Amino acid sequence: MRVRVEGDSMRPALLPGDWLLVRRGGTVHPGDLVVARLPDDPERLIVKRAQYRGADGWWLESDNQRASGRRDSWDFGPVSEIVGRVVFRYWPLLRRAR
């Protein structure tokens, strides 16, 4: 599946407007970038870094904890359903230094 990044919560790894290829299912390891459903709004997808798997699910964190509007496991706790693992960023092909 394809996912477009919005917001600054995953800077510097991902920037708004980046497009990602995501593999549904598959094995997730700590440190992987994953796509999950926002627990209180399951229609919305979020891109986060998987930190560790506990008894209640994966602890997901933003790379940029200071981002405006950031939401991760510090706000909603562990996530039991991971939609998929990010395979790679395919757009833009090249990034300009910012």
Protein backbone atom coordinates (compact mmCIF):
# COMPACT_ATOMS: atom_id res chain seq x y z
CA MET A 1 0.00 0.00 0.00
CA ARG A 2 1.05 3.62 -0.47
CA VAL A 3 0.94 6.25 2.29
CA ARG A 4 1.57 10.01 2.14
CA VAL A 5 3.24 11.60 5.18
CA GLU A 6 1.54 14.59 6.78
CA GLY A 7 2.84 16.64 9.67
CA ASP A 8 6.24 16.99 11.30
CA SER A 9 6.13 14.24 13.93
CA MET A 10 8.58 11.95 12.09
CA ARG A 11 11.21 14.59 11.21
CA PRO A 12 14.02 14.22 10.31
CA ALA A 13 13.45 10.68 8.96
CA LEU A 14 10.25 11.60 7.11
CA LEU A 15 9.01 14.96 5.90
CA PRO A 16 5.51 16.17 4.98
CA GLY A 17 4.78 15.16 1.40
CA ASP A 18 6.97 12.03 1.45
CA TRP A 19 5.34 8.97 -0.11
CA LEU A 20 5.98 5.55 1.44
CA LEU A 21 5.59 1.99 0.28
CA VAL A 22 4.12 -0.06 3.13
CA ARG A 23 3.98 -3.84 3.35
CA ARG A 24 0.80 -4.99 5.05
CA GLY A 25 1.34 -7.51 7.81
CA GLY A 26 4.83 -8.94 8.07
CA THR A 27 7.19 -8.99 10.98
CA VAL A 28 7.85 -5.79 12.91
CA HIS A 29 11.06 -5.23 14.83
CA PRO A 30 11.97 -2.47 17.30
CA GLY A 31 13.16 0.56 15.34
CA ASP A 32 10.99 -0.15 12.27
CA LEU A 33 8.77 2.56 10.84
CA VAL A 34 5.20 1.30 10.87
CA VAL A 35 1.70 2.36 9.89
CA ALA A 36 -1.06 1.85 12.46
CA ARG A 37 -4.63 2.99 13.02
CA LEU A 38 -5.06 5.89 15.43
CA PRO A 39 -6.74 4.16 18.41
CA ASP A 40 -9.40 6.83 19.03
CA ASP A 41 -10.01 7.43 15.29
CA PRO A 42 -9.50 4.10 13.43
CA GLU A 43 -10.21 5.71 10.05
CA ARG A 44 -6.93 7.67 10.35
CA LEU A 45 -3.56 6.08 9.76
CA ILE A 46 -0.40 7.15 11.57
CA VAL A 47 3.27 6.58 10.75
CA LYS A 48 5.43 5.97 13.83
CA ARG A 49 8.55 4.18 15.00
CA ALA A 50 7.99 0.85 16.77
CA GLN A 51 9.90 0.99 20.05
CA TYR A 52 9.03 -2.31 21.76
CA ARG A 53 6.29 -4.90 21.95
CA GLY A 54 4.60 -5.39 25.31
CA ALA A 55 1.76 -7.61 26.45
CA ASP A 56 -0.83 -5.07 25.22
CA GLY A 57 0.77 -4.31 21.84
CA TRP A 58 3.44 -2.12 20.28
CA TRP A 59 4.69 1.09 21.88
CA LEU A 60 4.90 3.60 19.03
CA GLU A 61 6.74 6.91 19.19
CA SER A 62 7.26 9.98 17.03
CA ASP A 63 10.85 10.82 16.10
CA ASN A 64 10.09 14.50 16.74
CA GLN A 65 8.52 14.71 20.19
CA ARG A 66 8.23 18.50 19.90
CA ALA A 67 6.10 18.49 16.75
CA SER A 68 2.86 20.41 16.95
CA GLY A 69 -0.10 18.02 17.12
CA ARG A 70 2.13 14.98 17.70
CA ARG A 71 0.21 11.86 18.81
CA ASP A 72 1.86 8.59 19.79
CA SER A 73 1.83 5.94 22.54
CA TRP A 74 2.67 8.61 25.13
CA ASP A 75 -0.88 9.85 24.44
CA PHE A 76 -2.87 6.66 23.73
CA GLY A 77 -0.76 3.76 25.06
CA PRO A 78 0.25 0.57 23.25
CA VAL A 79 -1.26 -0.24 19.85
CA SER A 80 -2.45 -3.78 19.22
CA GLU A 81 -3.01 -3.52 15.46
CA ILE A 82 -0.15 -2.60 13.15
CA VAL A 83 -1.36 -2.16 9.55
CA GLY A 84 2.08 -2.62 8.02
CA ARG A 85 5.79 -1.91 7.99
CA VAL A 86 7.33 0.87 5.91
CA VAL A 87 9.54 -0.65 3.22
CA PHE A 88 10.93 2.58 1.77
CA ARG A 89 10.28 6.21 0.89
CA TYR A 90 9.85 6.47 -2.87
CA TRP A 91 8.96 10.15 -3.34
CA PRO A 92 10.53 12.61 -3.63
CA LEU A 93 13.41 10.86 -5.37
CA LEU A 94 15.92 13.39 -4.05
CA ARG A 95 15.72 15.76 -1.12
CA ARG A 96 17.05 19.25 -0.99
CA ALA A 97 19.05 20.24 2.08
CA ARG A 98 16.83 22.20 4.45
